[in-house]
C-alpha atoms as a PDB file:
ATOM      1  CA  MET A   1     125.564  93.099 163.718  1.00  0.00           C
ATOM      2  CA  ASP A   2     127.132  93.355 167.172  1.00  0.00           C
ATOM      3  CA  LEU A   3     130.877  93.379 166.478  1.00  0.00           C
ATOM      4  CA  ASP A   4     131.730  93.148 170.190  1.00  0.00           C
ATOM      5  CA  SER A   5     130.210  89.664 170.430  1.00  0.00           C
ATOM      6  CA  ILE A   6     132.249  88.339 167.497  1.00  0.00           C
ATOM      7  CA  PRO A   7     135.605  86.634 168.206  1.00  0.00           C
ATOM      8  CA  PRO A   8     138.647  88.820 167.428  1.00  0.00           C
ATOM      9  CA  ILE A   9     139.930  87.432 164.108  1.00  0.00           C
ATOM     10  CA  THR A  10     136.473  87.270 162.538  1.00  0.00           C
ATOM     11  CA  ARG A  11     135.708  90.714 164.012  1.00  0.00           C
ATOM     12  CA  LEU A  12     138.782  92.221 162.363  1.00  0.00           C
ATOM     13  CA  TRP A  13     137.813  90.841 158.954  1.00  0.00           C
ATOM     14  CA  ALA A  14     134.113  91.735 159.253  1.00  0.00           C
ATOM     15  CA  GLY A  15     134.919  95.190 160.637  1.00  0.00           C
ATOM     16  CA  SER A  16     137.360  95.855 157.804  1.00  0.00           C
ATOM     17  CA  ALA A  17     134.791  94.790 155.204  1.00  0.00           C
ATOM     18  CA  LEU A  18     132.123  97.007 156.763  1.00  0.00           C
ATOM     19  CA  ALA A  19     134.530  99.967 157.021  1.00  0.00           C
ATOM     20  CA  LEU A  20     135.560  99.668 153.371  1.00  0.00           C
ATOM     21  CA  ALA A  21     131.951  99.491 152.169  1.00  0.00           C
ATOM     22  CA  LEU A  22     130.937 102.512 154.243  1.00  0.00           C
ATOM     23  CA  ALA A  23     134.027 104.465 153.146  1.00  0.00           C
ATOM     24  CA  GLU A  24     133.173 103.809 149.520  1.00  0.00           C
ATOM     25  CA  HIS A  25     129.502 104.642 150.118  1.00  0.00           C
ATOM     26  CA  VAL A  26     130.315 108.119 151.467  1.00  0.00           C
ATOM     27  CA  GLY A  27     132.948 108.778 148.810  1.00  0.00           C
ATOM     28  CA  LEU A  28     136.121 108.510 150.881  1.00  0.00           C
ATOM     29  CA  VAL A  29     137.500 105.779 148.627  1.00  0.00           C
ATOM     30  CA  SER A  30     136.672 104.214 145.291  1.00  0.00           C
ATOM     31  CA  SER A  31     136.608 100.553 144.354  1.00  0.00           C
ATOM     32  CA  LEU A  32     139.292 101.494 141.804  1.00  0.00           C
ATOM     33  CA  GLN A  33     141.602 102.104 144.775  1.00  0.00           C
ATOM     34  CA  LEU A  34     140.830  98.726 146.371  1.00  0.00           C
ATOM     35  CA  PHE A  35     140.995  96.059 143.662  1.00  0.00           C
ATOM     36  CA  LEU A  36     143.940  93.686 143.292  1.00  0.00           C
ATOM     37  CA  SER A  37     146.444  94.613 140.582  1.00  0.00           C
ATOM     38  CA  PHE A  38     149.899  93.047 140.646  1.00  0.00           C
ATOM     39  CA  ARG A  39     151.199  95.847 138.453  1.00  0.00           C
ATOM     40  CA  LEU A  40     150.106  98.459 140.974  1.00  0.00           C
ATOM     41  CA  VAL A  41     151.213  96.333 143.952  1.00  0.00           C
ATOM     42  CA  LEU A  42     154.716  96.206 142.473  1.00  0.00           C
ATOM     43  CA  LYS A  43     154.608 100.003 142.240  1.00  0.00           C
ATOM     44  CA  GLY A  44     154.132 100.211 145.997  1.00  0.00           C
ATOM     45  CA  GLN A  45     150.355 100.004 146.433  1.00  0.00           C
ATOM     46  CA  ILE A  46     150.623  97.083 148.828  1.00  0.00           C
ATOM     47  CA  TRP A  47     147.296  97.871 150.473  1.00  0.00           C
ATOM     48  CA  ARG A  48     145.493  96.410 147.437  1.00  0.00           C
ATOM     49  CA  ILE A  49     146.200  92.890 148.685  1.00  0.00           C
ATOM     50  CA  PRO A  50     144.335  93.158 152.031  1.00  0.00           C
ATOM     51  CA  THR A  51     141.615  95.435 150.650  1.00  0.00           C
ATOM     52  CA  SER A  52     140.825  92.998 147.844  1.00  0.00           C
ATOM     53  CA  LEU A  53     140.354  90.293 150.480  1.00  0.00           C
ATOM     54  CA  ALA A  54     138.061  92.411 152.652  1.00  0.00           C
ATOM     55  CA  TYR A  55     135.911  93.974 149.916  1.00  0.00           C
ATOM     56  CA  PHE A  56     132.473  92.416 149.352  1.00  0.00           C
ATOM     57  CA  GLY A  57     131.110  95.031 146.982  1.00  0.00           C
ATOM     58  CA  PRO A  58     129.337  98.371 147.429  1.00  0.00           C
ATOM     59  CA  PHE A  59     127.182  98.970 150.489  1.00  0.00           C
ATOM     60  CA  SER A  60     123.799  97.392 149.767  1.00  0.00           C
ATOM     61  CA  ILE A  61     121.379  94.693 150.881  1.00  0.00           C
ATOM     62  CA  ASP A  62     123.382  92.171 148.867  1.00  0.00           C
ATOM     63  CA  PHE A  63     126.577  93.304 150.619  1.00  0.00           C
ATOM     64  CA  LEU A  64     124.998  92.933 154.074  1.00  0.00           C
ATOM     65  CA  PHE A  65     123.700  89.469 153.241  1.00  0.00           C
ATOM     66  CA  ASN A  66     127.127  88.300 152.028  1.00  0.00           C
ATOM     67  CA  LEU A  67     128.888  89.856 155.023  1.00  0.00           C
ATOM     68  CA  LEU A  68     126.507  88.361 157.596  1.00  0.00           C
ATOM     69  CA  PHE A  69     126.586  84.967 155.903  1.00  0.00           C
ATOM     70  CA  THR A  70     130.377  84.852 155.711  1.00  0.00           C
ATOM     71  CA  THR A  71     130.789  86.168 159.241  1.00  0.00           C
ATOM     72  CA  ARG A  72     128.462  83.463 160.544  1.00  0.00           C
ATOM     73  CA  TYR A  73     130.659  80.615 159.297  1.00  0.00           C
ATOM     74  CA  ALA A  74     133.944  82.326 160.100  1.00  0.00           C
ATOM     75  CA  ARG A  75     132.669  82.896 163.632  1.00  0.00           C
ATOM     76  CA  MET A  76     131.593  79.275 164.064  1.00  0.00           C
ATOM     77  CA  LEU A  77     134.993  78.045 162.936  1.00  0.00           C
ATOM     78  CA  GLU A  78     136.879  80.435 165.222  1.00  0.00           C
ATOM     79  CA  GLU A  79     134.672  79.773 168.249  1.00  0.00           C
ATOM     80  CA  ASN A  80     134.473  75.985 167.878  1.00  0.00           C
ATOM     81  CA  HIS A  81     137.171  74.355 165.784  1.00  0.00           C
ATOM     82  CA  TYR A  82     139.848  76.926 166.634  1.00  0.00           C
ATOM     83  CA  ALA A  83     138.896  77.774 170.191  1.00  0.00           C
ATOM     84  CA  GLY A  84     142.057  78.102 172.270  1.00  0.00           C
ATOM     85  CA  HIS A  85     144.350  77.983 169.232  1.00  0.00           C
ATOM     86  CA  ARG A  86     143.480  80.989 167.103  1.00  0.00           C
ATOM     87  CA  ALA A  87     146.926  80.920 165.503  1.00  0.00           C
ATOM     88  CA  ASP A  88     145.698  77.959 163.464  1.00  0.00           C
ATOM     89  CA  PHE A  89     142.728  80.025 162.267  1.00  0.00           C
ATOM     90  CA  VAL A  90     144.996  82.903 161.287  1.00  0.00           C
ATOM     91  CA  TRP A  91     147.259  80.426 159.455  1.00  0.00           C
ATOM     92  CA  LEU A  92     144.182  79.123 157.586  1.00  0.00           C
ATOM     93  CA  LEU A  93     143.380  82.682 156.478  1.00  0.00           C
ATOM     94  CA  ILE A  94     146.995  83.396 155.509  1.00  0.00           C
ATOM     95  CA  PHE A  95     147.327  80.194 153.472  1.00  0.00           C
ATOM     96  CA  SER A  96     143.957  80.604 151.760  1.00  0.00           C
ATOM     97  CA  SER A  97     144.519  84.300 151.014  1.00  0.00           C
ATOM     98  CA  THR A  98     147.942  83.609 149.532  1.00  0.00           C
ATOM     99  CA  ILE A  99     146.648  80.888 147.193  1.00  0.00           C
ATOM    100  CA  LEU A 100     143.673  83.038 146.137  1.00  0.00           C
ATOM    101  CA  VAL A 101     145.919  86.043 145.419  1.00  0.00           C
ATOM    102  CA  LEU A 102     148.304  83.922 143.354  1.00  0.00           C
ATOM    103  CA  LEU A 103     145.468  82.362 141.353  1.00  0.00           C
ATOM    104  CA  SER A 104     143.434  85.539 140.915  1.00  0.00           C
ATOM    105  CA  PRO A 105     145.026  86.521 137.555  1.00  0.00           C
ATOM    106  CA  LEU A 106     144.068  83.153 136.056  1.00  0.00           C
ATOM    107  CA  ALA A 107     140.424  83.679 137.024  1.00  0.00           C
ATOM    108  CA  THR A 108     140.481  87.475 136.438  1.00  0.00           C
ATOM    109  CA  LEU A 109     139.273  88.212 139.960  1.00  0.00           C
ATOM    110  CA  PRO A 110     139.991  91.742 141.183  1.00  0.00           C
ATOM    111  CA  PHE A 111     138.214  91.163 144.519  1.00  0.00           C
ATOM    112  CA  LEU A 112     138.643  88.107 146.714  1.00  0.00           C
ATOM    113  CA  GLY A 113     136.381  88.672 149.719  1.00  0.00           C
ATOM    114  CA  SER A 114     133.666  86.318 148.482  1.00  0.00           C
ATOM    115  CA  PRO A 115     136.077  83.528 147.414  1.00  0.00           C
ATOM    116  CA  LEU A 116     137.776  83.687 150.820  1.00  0.00           C
ATOM    117  CA  GLY A 117     134.350  83.424 152.434  1.00  0.00           C
ATOM    118  CA  PHE A 118     133.634  80.310 150.384  1.00  0.00           C
ATOM    119  CA  VAL A 119     136.890  78.772 151.660  1.00  0.00           C
ATOM    120  CA  LEU A 120     135.561  79.042 155.204  1.00  0.00           C
ATOM    121  CA  VAL A 121     132.053  77.853 154.305  1.00  0.00           C
ATOM    122  CA  TYR A 122     133.524  74.793 152.576  1.00  0.00           C
ATOM    123  CA  ILE A 123     135.779  73.889 155.492  1.00  0.00           C
ATOM    124  CA  TRP A 124     132.942  74.330 157.999  1.00  0.00           C
ATOM    125  CA  SER A 125     130.648  72.190 155.855  1.00  0.00           C
ATOM    126  CA  ARG A 126     133.183  69.352 155.666  1.00  0.00           C
ATOM    127  CA  ARG A 127     133.817  69.397 159.411  1.00  0.00           C
ATOM    128  CA  ASN A 128     130.088  69.396 160.215  1.00  0.00           C
ATOM    129  CA  ARG A 129     128.928  66.883 157.639  1.00  0.00           C
ATOM    130  CA  HIS A 130     125.993  65.574 159.669  1.00  0.00           C
ATOM    131  CA  VAL A 131     124.436  68.989 160.336  1.00  0.00           C
ATOM    132  CA  ARG A 132     121.144  69.557 158.483  1.00  0.00           C
ATOM    133  CA  LEU A 133     120.396  73.032 157.165  1.00  0.00           C
ATOM    134  CA  SER A 134     117.360  74.784 155.770  1.00  0.00           C
ATOM    135  CA  LEU A 135     118.385  76.682 152.683  1.00  0.00           C
ATOM    136  CA  PHE A 136     116.335  79.885 152.362  1.00  0.00           C
ATOM    137  CA  GLY A 137     113.494  78.097 154.139  1.00  0.00           C
ATOM    138  CA  VAL A 138     112.823  76.009 151.050  1.00  0.00           C
ATOM    139  CA  LEU A 139     115.311  73.165 150.785  1.00  0.00           C
ATOM    140  CA  VAL A 140     116.724  70.985 153.607  1.00  0.00           C
ATOM    141  CA  ILE A 141     120.265  69.747 152.945  1.00  0.00           C
ATOM    142  CA  THR A 142     123.194  68.332 154.907  1.00  0.00           C
ATOM    143  CA  ALA A 143     126.187  70.625 155.452  1.00  0.00           C
ATOM    144  CA  PRO A 144     128.549  69.177 152.771  1.00  0.00           C
ATOM    145  CA  TYR A 145     126.089  70.237 150.054  1.00  0.00           C
ATOM    146  CA  LEU A 146     125.891  73.829 151.286  1.00  0.00           C
ATOM    147  CA  PRO A 147     128.719  75.351 149.154  1.00  0.00           C
ATOM    148  CA  TRP A 148     127.446  73.654 146.010  1.00  0.00           C
ATOM    149  CA  ALA A 149     123.869  74.723 146.677  1.00  0.00           C
ATOM    150  CA  LEU A 150     125.036  78.326 147.073  1.00  0.00           C
ATOM    151  CA  VAL A 151     126.977  78.146 143.812  1.00  0.00           C
ATOM    152  CA  ALA A 152     123.947  76.731 141.990  1.00  0.00           C
ATOM    153  CA  PHE A 153     121.713  79.418 143.479  1.00  0.00           C
ATOM    154  CA  SER A 154     124.103  82.202 142.424  1.00  0.00           C
ATOM    155  CA  TRP A 155     124.429  80.681 138.930  1.00  0.00           C
ATOM    156  CA  VAL A 156     120.647  80.632 138.484  1.00  0.00           C
ATOM    157  CA  LEU A 157     120.270  84.229 139.700  1.00  0.00           C
ATOM    158  CA  ALA A 158     123.156  85.556 137.620  1.00  0.00           C
ATOM    159  CA  GLY A 159     122.332  83.499 134.538  1.00  0.00           C
ATOM    160  CA  SER A 160     125.969  82.910 133.652  1.00  0.00           C
ATOM    161  CA  PRO A 161     128.724  80.593 134.986  1.00  0.00           C
ATOM    162  CA  LYS A 162     131.288  83.403 134.909  1.00  0.00           C
ATOM    163  CA  TYR A 163     129.686  84.932 138.009  1.00  0.00           C
ATOM    164  CA  VAL A 164     130.469  81.870 140.143  1.00  0.00           C
ATOM    165  CA  ILE A 165     134.125  81.414 139.121  1.00  0.00           C
ATOM    166  CA  GLY A 166     135.261  83.075 142.353  1.00  0.00           C
ATOM    167  CA  ASP A 167     132.963  80.849 144.427  1.00  0.00           C
ATOM    168  CA  LEU A 168     134.323  77.724 142.722  1.00  0.00           C
ATOM    169  CA  LEU A 169     137.884  78.924 143.279  1.00  0.00           C
ATOM    170  CA  GLY A 170     137.116  79.379 146.969  1.00  0.00           C
ATOM    171  CA  ILE A 171     135.735  75.829 147.153  1.00  0.00           C
ATOM    172  CA  ALA A 172     138.879  74.480 145.445  1.00  0.00           C
ATOM    173  CA  VAL A 173     141.191  76.285 147.881  1.00  0.00           C
ATOM    174  CA  GLY A 174     139.034  75.189 150.808  1.00  0.00           C
ATOM    175  CA  HIS A 175     139.257  71.569 149.654  1.00  0.00           C
ATOM    176  CA  LEU A 176     143.029  71.839 149.302  1.00  0.00           C
ATOM    177  CA  TYR A 177     143.349  73.081 152.877  1.00  0.00           C
ATOM    178  CA  TYR A 178     140.892  70.484 154.186  1.00  0.00           C
ATOM    179  CA  PHE A 179     142.766  67.672 152.445  1.00  0.00           C
ATOM    180  CA  LEU A 180     146.198  68.752 153.675  1.00  0.00           C
ATOM    181  CA  VAL A 181     145.117  69.395 157.268  1.00  0.00           C
ATOM    182  CA  ASP A 182     142.244  66.974 157.921  1.00  0.00           C
ATOM    183  CA  ILE A 183     142.663  64.092 155.471  1.00  0.00           C
ATOM    184  CA  TRP A 184     146.339  63.635 154.599  1.00  0.00           C
ATOM    185  CA  PRO A 185     147.680  63.336 158.189  1.00  0.00           C
ATOM    186  CA  ARG A 186     145.372  60.322 158.675  1.00  0.00           C
ATOM    187  CA  GLU A 187     146.868  58.482 155.701  1.00  0.00           C
ATOM    188  CA  VAL A 188     149.509  55.860 156.460  1.00  0.00           C
ATOM    189  CA  LYS A 189     151.891  57.333 153.876  1.00  0.00           C
ATOM    190  CA  SER A 190     151.833  60.701 155.651  1.00  0.00           C
ATOM    191  CA  GLY A 191     153.333  59.329 158.837  1.00  0.00           C
ATOM    192  CA  GLY A 192     150.856  61.524 160.705  1.00  0.00           C
ATOM    193  CA  ARG A 193     152.599  64.653 159.412  1.00  0.00           C
ATOM    194  CA  ASN A 194     150.600  67.834 158.905  1.00  0.00           C
ATOM    195  CA  LEU A 195     152.011  69.535 155.815  1.00  0.00           C
ATOM    196  CA  LEU A 196     150.358  72.808 156.823  1.00  0.00           C
ATOM    197  CA  ALA A 197     151.300  72.909 160.489  1.00  0.00           C
ATOM    198  CA  THR A 198     151.051  76.428 161.858  1.00  0.00           C
ATOM    199  CA  PRO A 199     154.495  78.063 162.184  1.00  0.00           C
ATOM    200  CA  ARG A 200     155.675  78.115 165.797  1.00  0.00           C
ATOM    201  CA  ILE A 201     156.398  81.836 165.717  1.00  0.00           C
ATOM    202  CA  LEU A 202     152.757  82.500 164.811  1.00  0.00           C
ATOM    203  CA  VAL A 203     151.574  80.288 167.667  1.00  0.00           C
ATOM    204  CA  ARG A 204     153.790  82.210 170.119  1.00  0.00           C
ATOM    205  CA  LEU A 205     152.587  85.603 168.860  1.00  0.00           C
ATOM    206  CA  ILE A 206     148.873  84.815 168.955  1.00  0.00           C
ATOM    207  CA  ASP A 207     148.348  82.020 171.477  1.00  0.00           C
ATOM    208  CA  GLY A 208     151.331  82.812 173.696  1.00  0.00           C
ATOM    209  CA  ARG A 209     152.723  79.309 173.842  1.00  0.00           C
END
């Protein structure tokens, strides 16, 4: 994976995930130091929030597949839908991460990298609904079915629904964002108002306007 060719926000996330996996692989850190625990966060271990969002598991083939897959859709969103206004993409990540962190105790999720990835996959799939995809070279589907196909595939491989709770949570958060940003402003009752408009200070800091 050529990190230099990846747009900056996606590169930061992918690079952090790769760095954490490699650091764990060589014994510099342990997953016990990375998982999300509100009790430990309140004791000052604030780093557990970002590390839980950038951790995709130990360095392995499965890790590389998840990282490359997630990076692909994050990159397409940043390069296409958020080209020229990356502050909106950062705001998407901030909003999604915040909701996932707040809901993580209910779903008992110590790591949120995969759920956050599913947020982006879901949003991309809804905004590219007419794109046709070949899933693992076996099944041809249209983009809106992609997140659900991945959940079903993971469920079959794992053999238990508990292993896809994080994926389903990511889809739910992705749908919430998509509804508030893409659907609700088009409704007459909304008055065209975007309830999740990017804060102006963030736009100034990132986009310079």
